[in-house]
Amino acid sequence: MKEFFEVEVRQASLFLAQNASGTVRVVLGTDVRADSIWITTELPALISNKNVTKIITIDPMTLKEIIIHTK
């Protein structure tokens, strides 16, 4: 069941990232796993999406914003 759920979440995340545009903001904690959907699916899709102009991470504890990618 967990594997099915992960596949569905990964597909939904990919769809959203591929259809995003403009500035994208993501709230990320400090402990992001290297195999997370953010690292393996969402971020690469956002970077390759020609309609995304900027990616900003937001720390949920401090609300500090960091620009991690611009085009």
PDB file of N, CA and C in Angstrom:
ATOM      1  N   MET A   1       0.826  -1.200   0.000  1.00  0.00           N
ATOM      2  CA  MET A   1       0.000   0.000   0.000  1.00  0.00           C
ATOM      3  C   MET A   1       0.866   1.259   0.000  1.00  0.00           C
ATOM      4  N   LYS A   2       1.917   1.270   0.804  1.00  0.00           N
ATOM      5  CA  LYS A   2       2.789   2.443   0.869  1.00  0.00           C
ATOM      6  C   LYS A   2       3.408   2.730  -0.494  1.00  0.00           C
ATOM      7  N   GLU A   3       3.855   1.676  -1.203  1.00  0.00           N
ATOM      8  CA  GLU A   3       4.479   1.878  -2.511  1.00  0.00           C
ATOM      9  C   GLU A   3       3.485   2.471  -3.501  1.00  0.00           C
ATOM     10  N   PHE A   4       2.237   2.003  -3.470  1.00  0.00           N
ATOM     11  CA  PHE A   4       1.208   2.543  -4.354  1.00  0.00           C
ATOM     12  C   PHE A   4       0.986   4.019  -4.056  1.00  0.00           C
ATOM     13  N   PHE A   5       0.857   4.337  -2.795  1.00  0.00           N
ATOM     14  CA  PHE A   5       0.639   5.724  -2.394  1.00  0.00           C
ATOM     15  C   PHE A   5       1.799   6.602  -2.839  1.00  0.00           C
ATOM     16  N   GLU A   6       3.018   6.120  -2.668  1.00  0.00           N
ATOM     17  CA  GLU A   6       4.193   6.908  -3.056  1.00  0.00           C
ATOM     18  C   GLU A   6       4.214   7.156  -4.557  1.00  0.00           C
ATOM     19  N   VAL A   7       3.846   6.153  -5.341  1.00  0.00           N
ATOM     20  CA  VAL A   7       3.799   6.317  -6.798  1.00  0.00           C
ATOM     21  C   VAL A   7       2.773   7.386  -7.171  1.00  0.00           C
ATOM     22  N   GLU A   8       1.604   7.334  -6.558  1.00  0.00           N
ATOM     23  CA  GLU A   8       0.557   8.314  -6.848  1.00  0.00           C
ATOM     24  C   GLU A   8       0.989   9.731  -6.460  1.00  0.00           C
ATOM     25  N   VAL A   9       1.606   9.869  -5.303  1.00  0.00           N
ATOM     26  CA  VAL A   9       2.072  11.183  -4.854  1.00  0.00           C
ATOM     27  C   VAL A   9       3.163  11.695  -5.784  1.00  0.00           C
ATOM     28  N   ARG A  10       4.072  10.824  -6.180  1.00  0.00           N
ATOM     29  CA  ARG A  10       5.153  11.223  -7.090  1.00  0.00           C
ATOM     30  C   ARG A  10       4.571  11.699  -8.427  1.00  0.00           C
ATOM     31  N   GLN A  11       3.591  10.982  -8.955  1.00  0.00           N
ATOM     32  CA  GLN A  11       2.968  11.368 -10.229  1.00  0.00           C
ATOM     33  C   GLN A  11       2.240  12.708 -10.105  1.00  0.00           C
ATOM     34  N   ALA A  12       1.530  12.895  -9.012  1.00  0.00           N
ATOM     35  CA  ALA A  12       0.824  14.162  -8.793  1.00  0.00           C
ATOM     36  C   ALA A  12       1.817  15.312  -8.645  1.00  0.00           C
ATOM     37  N   SER A  13       2.894  15.081  -7.917  1.00  0.00           N
ATOM     38  CA  SER A  13       3.921  16.109  -7.723  1.00  0.00           C
ATOM     39  C   SER A  13       4.572  16.482  -9.043  1.00  0.00           C
ATOM     40  N   LEU A  14       4.855  15.484  -9.867  1.00  0.00           N
ATOM     41  CA  LEU A  14       5.453  15.727 -11.174  1.00  0.00           C
ATOM     42  C   LEU A  14       4.506  16.554 -12.043  1.00  0.00           C
ATOM     43  N   PHE A  15       3.238  16.194 -12.056  1.00  0.00           N
ATOM     44  CA  PHE A  15       2.247  16.935 -12.839  1.00  0.00           C
ATOM     45  C   PHE A  15       2.195  18.400 -12.413  1.00  0.00           C
ATOM     46  N   LEU A  16       2.142  18.630 -11.112  1.00  0.00           N
ATOM     47  CA  LEU A  16       2.078  20.008 -10.607  1.00  0.00           C
ATOM     48  C   LEU A  16       3.333  20.792 -10.977  1.00  0.00           C
ATOM     49  N   ALA A  17       4.503  20.182 -10.831  1.00  0.00           N
ATOM     50  CA  ALA A  17       5.760  20.865 -11.152  1.00  0.00           C
ATOM     51  C   ALA A  17       5.857  21.165 -12.642  1.00  0.00           C
ATOM     52  N   GLN A  18       5.406  20.248 -13.471  1.00  0.00           N
ATOM     53  CA  GLN A  18       5.463  20.455 -14.918  1.00  0.00           C
ATOM     54  C   GLN A  18       4.490  21.533 -15.386  1.00  0.00           C
ATOM     55  N   ASN A  19       3.469  21.807 -14.596  1.00  0.00           N
ATOM     56  CA  ASN A  19       2.454  22.788 -14.985  1.00  0.00           C
ATOM     57  C   ASN A  19       2.525  24.087 -14.191  1.00  0.00           C
ATOM     58  N   ALA A  20       3.547  24.234 -13.382  1.00  0.00           N
ATOM     59  CA  ALA A  20       3.745  25.463 -12.611  1.00  0.00           C
ATOM     60  C   ALA A  20       4.255  26.569 -13.536  1.00  0.00           C
ATOM     61  N   SER A  21       4.140  27.809 -13.067  1.00  0.00           N
ATOM     62  CA  SER A  21       4.690  28.927 -13.836  1.00  0.00           C
ATOM     63  C   SER A  21       5.035  30.070 -12.893  1.00  0.00           C
ATOM     64  N   GLY A  22       5.922  30.944 -13.379  1.00  0.00           N
ATOM     65  CA  GLY A  22       6.323  32.103 -12.588  1.00  0.00           C
ATOM     66  C   GLY A  22       7.224  31.726 -11.434  1.00  0.00           C
ATOM     67  N   THR A  23       7.041  32.407 -10.310  1.00  0.00           N
ATOM     68  CA  THR A  23       7.825  32.144  -9.106  1.00  0.00           C
ATOM     69  C   THR A  23       7.154  31.037  -8.306  1.00  0.00           C
ATOM     70  N   VAL A  24       7.937  30.026  -7.953  1.00  0.00           N
ATOM     71  CA  VAL A  24       7.438  28.900  -7.159  1.00  0.00           C
ATOM     72  C   VAL A  24       8.061  28.985  -5.781  1.00  0.00           C
ATOM     73  N   ARG A  25       7.232  28.881  -4.756  1.00  0.00           N
ATOM     74  CA  ARG A  25       7.719  28.870  -3.373  1.00  0.00           C
ATOM     75  C   ARG A  25       7.419  27.510  -2.772  1.00  0.00           C
ATOM     76  N   VAL A  26       8.391  26.986  -2.034  1.00  0.00           N
ATOM     77  CA  VAL A  26       8.219  25.698  -1.370  1.00  0.00           C
ATOM     78  C   VAL A  26       8.666  25.826   0.079  1.00  0.00           C
ATOM     79  N   VAL A  27       7.856  25.325   0.992  1.00  0.00           N
ATOM     80  CA  VAL A  27       8.202  25.331   2.412  1.00  0.00           C
ATOM     81  C   VAL A  27       8.934  24.029   2.703  1.00  0.00           C
ATOM     82  N   LEU A  28      10.199  24.149   3.121  1.00  0.00           N
ATOM     83  CA  LEU A  28      11.035  22.973   3.383  1.00  0.00           C
ATOM     84  C   LEU A  28      11.662  23.068   4.760  1.00  0.00           C
ATOM     85  N   GLY A  29      11.647  21.960   5.462  1.00  0.00           N
ATOM     86  CA  GLY A  29      12.367  21.886   6.723  1.00  0.00           C
ATOM     87  C   GLY A  29      13.854  21.701   6.472  1.00  0.00           C
ATOM     88  N   THR A  30      14.608  21.548   7.515  1.00  0.00           N
ATOM     89  CA  THR A  30      16.061  21.420   7.376  1.00  0.00           C
ATOM     90  C   THR A  30      16.501  20.000   7.072  1.00  0.00           C
ATOM     91  N   ASP A  31      15.655  19.022   7.323  1.00  0.00           N
ATOM     92  CA  ASP A  31      16.027  17.617   7.128  1.00  0.00           C
ATOM     93  C   ASP A  31      15.318  17.022   5.919  1.00  0.00           C
ATOM     94  N   VAL A  32      15.725  17.417   4.729  1.00  0.00           N
ATOM     95  CA  VAL A  32      15.141  16.885   3.502  1.00  0.00           C
ATOM     96  C   VAL A  32      15.986  15.692   3.062  1.00  0.00           C
ATOM     97  N   ARG A  33      15.341  14.537   2.973  1.00  0.00           N
ATOM     98  CA  ARG A  33      16.066  13.320   2.581  1.00  0.00           C
ATOM     99  C   ARG A  33      16.508  13.401   1.121  1.00  0.00           C
ATOM    100  N   ALA A  34      17.638  12.809   0.816  1.00  0.00           N
ATOM    101  CA  ALA A  34      18.162  12.800  -0.550  1.00  0.00           C
ATOM    102  C   ALA A  34      17.235  12.050  -1.504  1.00  0.00           C
ATOM    103  N   ASP A  35      16.448  11.114  -0.984  1.00  0.00           N
ATOM    104  CA  ASP A  35      15.529  10.354  -1.831  1.00  0.00           C
ATOM    105  C   ASP A  35      14.091  10.881  -1.758  1.00  0.00           C
ATOM    106  N   SER A  36      13.926  12.094  -1.258  1.00  0.00           N
ATOM    107  CA  SER A  36      12.585  12.677  -1.129  1.00  0.00           C
ATOM    108  C   SER A  36      11.997  12.992  -2.503  1.00  0.00           C
ATOM    109  N   ILE A  37      10.691  13.085  -2.552  1.00  0.00           N
ATOM    110  CA  ILE A  37      10.019  13.448  -3.801  1.00  0.00           C
ATOM    111  C   ILE A  37      10.433  14.851  -4.236  1.00  0.00           C
ATOM    112  N   TRP A  38      10.682  15.726  -3.293  1.00  0.00           N
ATOM    113  CA  TRP A  38      11.150  17.078  -3.626  1.00  0.00           C
ATOM    114  C   TRP A  38      12.465  17.015  -4.406  1.00  0.00           C
ATOM    115  N   ILE A  39      13.435  16.268  -3.900  1.00  0.00           N
ATOM    116  CA  ILE A  39      14.761  16.202  -4.527  1.00  0.00           C
ATOM    117  C   ILE A  39      14.743  15.401  -5.824  1.00  0.00           C
ATOM    118  N   THR A  40      14.050  14.277  -5.827  1.00  0.00           N
ATOM    119  CA  THR A  40      14.117  13.371  -6.979  1.00  0.00           C
ATOM    120  C   THR A  40      13.129  13.691  -8.092  1.00  0.00           C
ATOM    121  N   THR A  41      12.041  14.376  -7.779  1.00  0.00           N
ATOM    122  CA  THR A  41      10.986  14.582  -8.775  1.00  0.00           C
ATOM    123  C   THR A  41      10.633  16.055  -8.975  1.00  0.00           C
ATOM    124  N   GLU A  42      10.222  16.717  -7.909  1.00  0.00           N
ATOM    125  CA  GLU A  42       9.700  18.078  -8.045  1.00  0.00           C
ATOM    126  C   GLU A  42      10.755  19.087  -8.481  1.00  0.00           C
ATOM    127  N   LEU A  43      11.888  19.116  -7.800  1.00  0.00           N
ATOM    128  CA  LEU A  43      12.914  20.113  -8.127  1.00  0.00           C
ATOM    129  C   LEU A  43      13.428  19.961  -9.557  1.00  0.00           C
ATOM    130  N   PRO A  44      13.800  18.751 -10.002  1.00  0.00           N
ATOM    131  CA  PRO A  44      14.248  18.634 -11.395  1.00  0.00           C
ATOM    132  C   PRO A  44      13.173  19.059 -12.406  1.00  0.00           C
ATOM    133  N   ALA A  45      11.916  18.722 -12.121  1.00  0.00           N
ATOM    134  CA  ALA A  45      10.835  19.105 -13.036  1.00  0.00           C
ATOM    135  C   ALA A  45      10.641  20.619 -13.061  1.00  0.00           C
ATOM    136  N   LEU A  46      10.747  21.255 -11.907  1.00  0.00           N
ATOM    137  CA  LEU A  46      10.618  22.712 -11.856  1.00  0.00           C
ATOM    138  C   LEU A  46      11.759  23.390 -12.600  1.00  0.00           C
ATOM    139  N   ILE A  47      12.979  22.897 -12.424  1.00  0.00           N
ATOM    140  CA  ILE A  47      14.140  23.488 -13.094  1.00  0.00           C
ATOM    141  C   ILE A  47      14.019  23.355 -14.608  1.00  0.00           C
ATOM    142  N   SER A  48      13.512  22.226 -15.081  1.00  0.00           N
ATOM    143  CA  SER A  48      13.401  22.026 -16.530  1.00  0.00           C
ATOM    144  C   SER A  48      12.140  22.661 -17.127  1.00  0.00           C
ATOM    145  N   ASN A  49      11.240  23.128 -16.289  1.00  0.00           N
ATOM    146  CA  ASN A  49      10.009  23.763 -16.755  1.00  0.00           C
ATOM    147  C   ASN A  49      10.326  25.189 -17.216  1.00  0.00           C
ATOM    148  N   LYS A  50      10.172  25.435 -18.511  1.00  0.00           N
ATOM    149  CA  LYS A  50      10.522  26.748 -19.071  1.00  0.00           C
ATOM    150  C   LYS A  50       9.625  27.880 -18.570  1.00  0.00           C
ATOM    151  N   ASN A  51       8.480  27.541 -17.995  1.00  0.00           N
ATOM    152  CA  ASN A  51       7.560  28.562 -17.490  1.00  0.00           C
ATOM    153  C   ASN A  51       7.833  28.980 -16.049  1.00  0.00           C
ATOM    154  N   VAL A  52       8.731  28.273 -15.380  1.00  0.00           N
ATOM    155  CA  VAL A  52       9.104  28.624 -14.004  1.00  0.00           C
ATOM    156  C   VAL A  52      10.297  29.566 -14.073  1.00  0.00           C
ATOM    157  N   THR A  53      10.160  30.748 -13.496  1.00  0.00           N
ATOM    158  CA  THR A  53      11.221  31.749 -13.573  1.00  0.00           C
ATOM    159  C   THR A  53      12.089  31.817 -12.322  1.00  0.00           C
ATOM    160  N   LYS A  54      11.541  31.363 -11.195  1.00  0.00           N
ATOM    161  CA  LYS A  54      12.289  31.442  -9.944  1.00  0.00           C
ATOM    162  C   LYS A  54      11.750  30.382  -8.988  1.00  0.00           C
ATOM    163  N   ILE A  55      12.664  29.769  -8.210  1.00  0.00           N
ATOM    164  CA  ILE A  55      12.272  28.815  -7.171  1.00  0.00           C
ATOM    165  C   ILE A  55      12.818  29.336  -5.851  1.00  0.00           C
ATOM    166  N   ILE A  56      11.932  29.464  -4.877  1.00  0.00           N
ATOM    167  CA  ILE A  56      12.292  29.994  -3.562  1.00  0.00           C
ATOM    168  C   ILE A  56      11.909  28.975  -2.499  1.00  0.00           C
ATOM    169  N   THR A  57      12.845  28.681  -1.591  1.00  0.00           N
ATOM    170  CA  THR A  57      12.507  27.838  -0.447  1.00  0.00           C
ATOM    171  C   THR A  57      12.211  28.737   0.747  1.00  0.00           C
ATOM    172  N   ILE A  58      11.312  28.260   1.605  1.00  0.00           N
ATOM    173  CA  ILE A  58      10.941  28.987   2.816  1.00  0.00           C
ATOM    174  C   ILE A  58      11.153  28.065   4.007  1.00  0.00           C
ATOM    175  N   ASP A  59      11.931  28.519   4.974  1.00  0.00           N
ATOM    176  CA  ASP A  59      12.147  27.762   6.207  1.00  0.00           C
ATOM    177  C   ASP A  59      10.900  27.922   7.078  1.00  0.00           C
ATOM    178  N   PRO A  60      10.241  26.822   7.473  1.00  0.00           N
ATOM    179  CA  PRO A  60       9.001  26.940   8.242  1.00  0.00           C
ATOM    180  C   PRO A  60       9.195  27.495   9.648  1.00  0.00           C
ATOM    181  N   MET A  61      10.383  27.414  10.185  1.00  0.00           N
ATOM    182  CA  MET A  61      10.630  27.913  11.540  1.00  0.00           C
ATOM    183  C   MET A  61      10.922  29.411  11.553  1.00  0.00           C
ATOM    184  N   THR A  62      11.713  29.865  10.581  1.00  0.00           N
ATOM    185  CA  THR A  62      12.135  31.269  10.567  1.00  0.00           C
ATOM    186  C   THR A  62      11.410  32.113   9.518  1.00  0.00           C
ATOM    187  N   LEU A  63      10.764  31.442   8.571  1.00  0.00           N
ATOM    188  CA  LEU A  63      10.114  32.072   7.416  1.00  0.00           C
ATOM    189  C   LEU A  63      11.114  32.754   6.482  1.00  0.00           C
ATOM    190  N   LYS A  64      12.386  32.442   6.652  1.00  0.00           N
ATOM    191  CA  LYS A  64      13.424  32.990   5.778  1.00  0.00           C
ATOM    192  C   LYS A  64      13.271  32.390   4.382  1.00  0.00           C
ATOM    193  N   GLU A  65      13.346  33.251   3.373  1.00  0.00           N
ATOM    194  CA  GLU A  65      13.245  32.819   1.985  1.00  0.00           C
ATOM    195  C   GLU A  65      14.627  32.817   1.347  1.00  0.00           C
ATOM    196  N   ILE A  66      14.908  31.762   0.576  1.00  0.00           N
ATOM    197  CA  ILE A  66      16.175  31.648  -0.139  1.00  0.00           C
ATOM    198  C   ILE A  66      15.869  31.320  -1.597  1.00  0.00           C
ATOM    199  N   ILE A  67      16.386  32.131  -2.498  1.00  0.00           N
ATOM    200  CA  ILE A  67      16.236  31.854  -3.929  1.00  0.00           C
ATOM    201  C   ILE A  67      17.236  30.757  -4.278  1.00  0.00           C
ATOM    202  N   ILE A  68      16.725  29.626  -4.780  1.00  0.00           N
ATOM    203  CA  ILE A  68      17.626  28.518  -5.117  1.00  0.00           C
ATOM    204  C   ILE A  68      17.800  28.334  -6.618  1.00  0.00           C
ATOM    205  N   HIS A  69      16.946  29.012  -7.405  1.00  0.00           N
ATOM    206  CA  HIS A  69      17.071  28.878  -8.860  1.00  0.00           C
ATOM    207  C   HIS A  69      16.376  30.056  -9.534  1.00  0.00           C
ATOM    208  N   THR A  70      17.035  30.607 -10.553  1.00  0.00           N
ATOM    209  CA  THR A  70      16.418  31.639 -11.388  1.00  0.00           C
ATOM    210  C   THR A  70      16.744  31.364 -12.841  1.00  0.00           C
ATOM    211  N   LYS A  71      15.899  31.876 -13.724  1.00  0.00           N
ATOM    212  CA  LYS A  71      16.136  31.752 -15.172  1.00  0.00           C
ATOM    213  C   LYS A  71      16.217  33.130 -15.765  1.00  0.00           C
TER     214      LYS A  71
END
